[in-house]
Amino acid sequence: MKMGFKEKNFGQPTYDQQEEEPTRVIIISCEGTNTEPEYFEVIKEKLKDNISSLIEIELVPKPTDASEPKDVLDNLQTFVDKYDFNKGHDSLWLVCDREKVMHRKTGKKGLLKVIPLCKEKGYSIALSNPLFEFWLLLHVVDISDYDNEKLFNNEKVNATRRYLDKELSNILEGGYSKKAGKFNKDIVSLANIKKAIEQEKLFENDLIKTLDQLGGNISTLITEILTIN
């Protein structure tokens, strides 16, 4: 029996005994403050039988003012430096959006600066274009029914919502709120995740090419976490 990585309080990990020794910790630093962390927490909670006992998943606490790709990387690096991880076996991920519609230094410019830094450090990037809500939508619809240009442009449909956000709000029981990280947890099922993985393959999956095209590679991270038959 060996000491395994456990989270005692948010942002204050400690070690506790487990029956089996985790061989790999998957550490995830999200650009989003609400939806993305909530999604991975629900995976840990609802699909624990599909997560190997030899894998630990840790979500890096995010400062509220950290919203750029470089912030996501710095936040992950700070976490890694603070705690003793086996860098030869642990898997470290940034979860980011392309968000070309946002007028800020994120998007392609910010990501192009971060991608080589991650490669140098051995970190991976799970990217969505235009944003994480596209990955969520793949769980619950037949994406072939949608206009790719509308999905990609993700334009405003009213004063407070963009297209993807509104679609999820219309489809999900109980609605959806990106800012609140509010979504129906039933979306996170093994069947829906399998559907999302297959549908993501219909779009661009190469990290660099996804900077300019509708798509993503979130499924790469998901399949590392879950045992999917």
Protein backbone atom coordinates (compact mmCIF):
# COMPACT_ATOMS: atom_id res chain seq x y z
CA MET A 1 0.00 0.00 0.00
CA LYS A 2 1.37 3.39 -0.96
CA MET A 3 0.50 7.02 -0.38
CA GLY A 4 -1.77 8.27 -3.18
CA PHE A 5 -2.63 11.80 -4.26
CA LYS A 6 -5.83 13.09 -2.69
CA GLU A 7 -7.40 16.52 -2.39
CA LYS A 8 -8.15 17.48 1.20
CA ASN A 9 -9.32 21.04 0.62
CA PHE A 10 -9.67 22.94 -2.66
CA GLY A 11 -6.16 23.96 -3.61
CA GLN A 12 -4.61 22.14 -0.66
CA PRO A 13 -3.77 18.60 -1.86
CA THR A 14 -2.37 16.11 0.60
CA TYR A 15 -1.51 12.43 0.54
CA ASP A 16 -3.62 9.60 1.90
CA GLN A 17 -3.46 5.84 1.84
CA GLN A 18 -5.10 3.87 -0.93
CA GLU A 19 -5.42 0.18 -1.64
CA GLU A 20 -3.68 0.51 -4.98
CA GLU A 21 -0.83 2.71 -6.00
CA PRO A 22 -1.79 5.31 -8.65
CA THR A 23 0.68 5.06 -11.48
CA ARG A 24 -0.34 8.34 -13.11
CA VAL A 25 -1.86 11.62 -12.05
CA ILE A 26 -3.75 13.51 -14.76
CA ILE A 27 -3.51 17.19 -13.89
CA ILE A 28 -5.87 19.61 -15.65
CA SER A 29 -5.61 23.39 -15.75
CA CYS A 30 -8.71 25.01 -17.31
CA GLU A 31 -9.08 28.38 -18.95
CA GLY A 32 -12.74 28.47 -17.93
CA THR A 33 -13.64 29.12 -14.32
CA ASN A 34 -16.99 27.32 -14.20
CA THR A 35 -18.12 24.96 -16.97
CA GLU A 36 -14.89 23.09 -17.71
CA PRO A 37 -13.96 22.33 -14.08
CA GLU A 38 -17.55 21.33 -13.36
CA TYR A 39 -17.56 18.98 -16.35
CA PHE A 40 -14.42 17.15 -15.20
CA GLU A 41 -15.69 17.01 -11.61
CA VAL A 42 -18.89 15.36 -12.87
CA ILE A 43 -16.79 12.83 -14.80
CA LYS A 44 -14.92 12.00 -11.59
CA GLU A 45 -18.19 11.68 -9.69
CA LYS A 46 -20.46 9.86 -12.17
CA LEU A 47 -18.02 7.79 -14.21
CA LYS A 48 -15.61 6.67 -11.50
CA ASP A 49 -16.17 3.02 -12.49
CA ASN A 50 -14.71 3.91 -15.91
CA ILE A 51 -11.61 5.51 -14.41
CA SER A 52 -8.80 3.12 -13.61
CA SER A 53 -7.92 2.85 -9.93
CA LEU A 54 -4.35 3.54 -11.04
CA ILE A 55 -5.28 7.03 -12.26
CA GLU A 56 -5.82 10.15 -10.18
CA ILE A 57 -7.41 13.29 -11.65
CA GLU A 58 -6.51 16.65 -10.19
CA LEU A 59 -8.05 19.97 -11.24
CA VAL A 60 -5.79 22.95 -10.71
CA PRO A 61 -7.52 25.75 -8.76
CA LYS A 62 -7.79 28.82 -10.96
CA PRO A 63 -7.33 32.44 -9.84
CA THR A 64 -10.36 34.46 -10.93
CA ASP A 65 -8.19 36.93 -12.85
CA ALA A 66 -6.37 34.28 -14.91
CA SER A 67 -8.08 34.15 -18.29
CA GLU A 68 -5.39 33.97 -20.98
CA PRO A 69 -3.65 30.82 -22.32
CA LYS A 70 -0.39 31.92 -20.70
CA ASP A 71 -2.22 32.30 -17.38
CA VAL A 72 -3.53 28.74 -17.72
CA LEU A 73 0.01 27.50 -18.35
CA ASP A 74 1.50 29.53 -15.49
CA ASN A 75 -1.21 28.27 -13.15
CA LEU A 76 -0.39 24.67 -14.07
CA GLN A 77 3.34 25.28 -13.69
CA THR A 78 2.88 26.80 -10.24
CA PHE A 79 0.86 23.76 -9.17
CA VAL A 80 3.43 21.33 -10.54
CA ASP A 81 6.30 23.17 -8.87
CA LYS A 82 4.47 23.18 -5.53
CA TYR A 83 3.73 19.47 -5.35
CA ASP A 84 5.90 16.43 -6.01
CA PHE A 85 4.72 14.80 -9.21
CA ASN A 86 6.38 12.04 -11.20
CA LYS A 87 7.03 14.02 -14.36
CA GLY A 88 7.95 10.85 -16.21
CA HIS A 89 4.50 9.34 -15.74
CA ASP A 90 2.07 12.11 -14.83
CA SER A 91 0.00 13.71 -17.58
CA LEU A 92 -0.41 17.48 -17.55
CA TRP A 93 -3.08 19.27 -19.58
CA LEU A 94 -4.27 22.76 -20.45
CA VAL A 95 -7.93 23.04 -21.47
CA CYS A 96 -8.42 26.14 -23.64
CA ASP A 97 -10.84 27.73 -26.11
CA ARG A 98 -9.92 29.38 -29.40
CA GLU A 99 -12.68 32.02 -29.02
CA LYS A 100 -11.87 33.99 -32.13
CA VAL A 101 -14.89 36.21 -31.53
CA MET A 102 -13.45 37.57 -28.30
CA HIS A 103 -11.54 40.84 -28.54
CA ARG A 104 -8.65 39.98 -26.29
CA LYS A 105 -5.12 38.63 -26.60
CA THR A 106 -6.29 35.05 -26.29
CA GLY A 107 -7.22 33.17 -29.42
CA LYS A 108 -4.65 32.34 -32.03
CA LYS A 109 -1.95 34.79 -30.94
CA GLY A 110 -1.99 33.73 -27.31
CA LEU A 111 -2.18 30.04 -28.13
CA LEU A 112 0.67 30.19 -30.63
CA LYS A 113 2.86 31.52 -27.83
CA VAL A 114 1.81 28.81 -25.42
CA ILE A 115 1.90 25.75 -27.71
CA PRO A 116 5.73 25.61 -28.08
CA LEU A 117 6.17 26.24 -24.34
CA CYS A 118 3.89 23.29 -23.58
CA LYS A 119 5.75 21.09 -26.06
CA GLU A 120 9.03 21.98 -24.38
CA LYS A 121 7.66 21.07 -20.95
CA GLY A 122 5.86 17.93 -22.10
CA TYR A 123 2.41 19.38 -21.41
CA SER A 124 -0.63 18.70 -23.61
CA ILE A 125 -3.36 21.06 -24.79
CA ALA A 126 -7.02 20.15 -25.19
CA LEU A 127 -8.45 22.82 -27.49
CA SER A 128 -11.97 23.69 -28.63
CA ASN A 129 -12.78 25.99 -31.52
CA PRO A 130 -14.80 28.03 -30.99
CA LEU A 131 -15.19 27.02 -27.33
CA PHE A 132 -15.91 24.23 -24.84
CA GLU A 133 -19.66 24.50 -25.42
CA PHE A 134 -19.08 22.96 -28.86
CA TRP A 135 -17.75 19.83 -27.14
CA LEU A 136 -20.80 19.77 -24.85
CA LEU A 137 -23.17 20.13 -27.79
CA LEU A 138 -21.60 17.07 -29.41
CA HIS A 139 -22.91 15.02 -26.47
CA VAL A 140 -26.60 15.69 -27.08
CA VAL A 141 -27.35 16.42 -30.75
CA ASP A 142 -26.83 15.00 -34.19
CA ILE A 143 -24.27 17.58 -35.22
CA SER A 144 -24.92 16.92 -38.91
CA ASP A 145 -28.22 18.77 -38.46
CA TYR A 146 -26.30 21.99 -37.80
CA ASP A 147 -24.78 24.60 -40.07
CA ASN A 148 -21.00 24.47 -39.56
CA GLU A 149 -20.62 28.17 -40.29
CA LYS A 150 -23.08 29.06 -37.54
CA LEU A 151 -21.28 26.78 -35.11
CA PHE A 152 -17.89 28.23 -36.04
CA ASN A 153 -18.92 31.89 -35.97
CA ASN A 154 -20.86 31.51 -32.71
CA GLU A 155 -22.39 34.92 -33.15
CA LYS A 156 -24.50 36.77 -30.61
CA VAL A 157 -28.19 35.90 -30.68
CA ASN A 158 -29.17 38.44 -28.04
CA ALA A 159 -27.54 40.89 -25.65
CA THR A 160 -26.19 38.21 -23.32
CA ARG A 161 -25.86 34.97 -25.28
CA ARG A 162 -24.04 33.55 -28.26
CA TYR A 163 -25.29 30.81 -30.55
CA LEU A 164 -23.76 27.75 -28.84
CA ASP A 165 -24.66 28.96 -25.38
CA LYS A 166 -28.27 29.51 -26.47
CA GLU A 167 -28.50 26.13 -28.18
CA LEU A 168 -27.41 24.33 -25.02
CA SER A 169 -29.85 26.40 -22.98
CA ASN A 170 -32.68 25.39 -25.31
CA ILE A 171 -31.75 21.70 -25.37
CA LEU A 172 -30.73 20.88 -21.81
CA GLU A 173 -33.37 20.37 -19.18
CA GLY A 174 -32.92 23.10 -16.61
CA GLY A 175 -31.15 25.32 -19.14
CA TYR A 176 -27.50 26.21 -19.39
CA SER A 177 -25.39 29.09 -18.14
CA LYS A 178 -21.73 29.42 -19.12
CA LYS A 179 -21.03 32.05 -16.47
CA ALA A 180 -22.55 29.99 -13.69
CA GLY A 181 -21.15 26.66 -14.87
CA LYS A 182 -24.72 25.43 -14.84
CA PHE A 183 -25.65 22.43 -16.95
CA ASN A 184 -27.67 19.26 -16.53
CA LYS A 185 -25.26 16.65 -15.19
CA ASP A 186 -27.11 13.96 -17.12
CA ILE A 187 -25.23 15.18 -20.20
CA VAL A 188 -22.16 13.46 -18.74
CA SER A 189 -22.87 9.81 -19.38
CA LEU A 190 -20.71 7.16 -21.01
CA ALA A 191 -23.10 6.92 -23.96
CA ASN A 192 -23.08 10.70 -24.51
CA ILE A 193 -19.31 10.89 -24.21
CA LYS A 194 -18.91 8.12 -26.80
CA LYS A 195 -21.23 10.11 -29.07
CA ALA A 196 -19.18 13.28 -28.57
CA ILE A 197 -15.93 11.46 -29.30
CA GLU A 198 -17.27 10.04 -32.56
CA GLN A 199 -18.79 13.35 -33.65
CA GLU A 200 -15.63 15.32 -32.87
CA LYS A 201 -13.88 13.17 -35.48
CA LEU A 202 -16.07 14.81 -38.14
CA PHE A 203 -14.23 18.09 -37.61
CA GLU A 204 -10.62 19.25 -37.42
CA ASN A 205 -8.66 17.51 -34.65
CA ASP A 206 -5.08 18.62 -35.29
CA LEU A 207 -4.09 21.14 -32.64
CA ILE A 208 -2.50 23.69 -34.97
CA LYS A 209 -5.15 23.39 -37.68
CA THR A 210 -7.91 23.73 -35.09
CA LEU A 211 -6.70 27.28 -34.44
CA ASP A 212 -8.39 28.26 -37.72
CA GLN A 213 -11.09 25.63 -38.13
CA LEU A 214 -14.16 24.28 -36.37
CA GLY A 215 -13.16 21.33 -34.21
CA GLY A 216 -11.12 20.25 -31.25
CA ASN A 217 -9.17 17.48 -29.57
CA ILE A 218 -10.95 17.26 -26.22
CA SER A 219 -11.55 13.56 -26.87
CA THR A 220 -7.81 12.93 -26.55
CA LEU A 221 -7.91 14.00 -22.92
CA ILE A 222 -11.21 12.22 -22.24
CA THR A 223 -9.96 8.88 -23.59
CA GLU A 224 -6.88 9.20 -21.41
CA ILE A 225 -9.11 9.58 -18.37
CA LEU A 226 -11.77 6.99 -19.14
CA THR A 227 -11.77 3.32 -20.03
CA ILE A 228 -14.17 3.27 -22.98
CA ASN A 229 -15.14 -0.01 -24.61
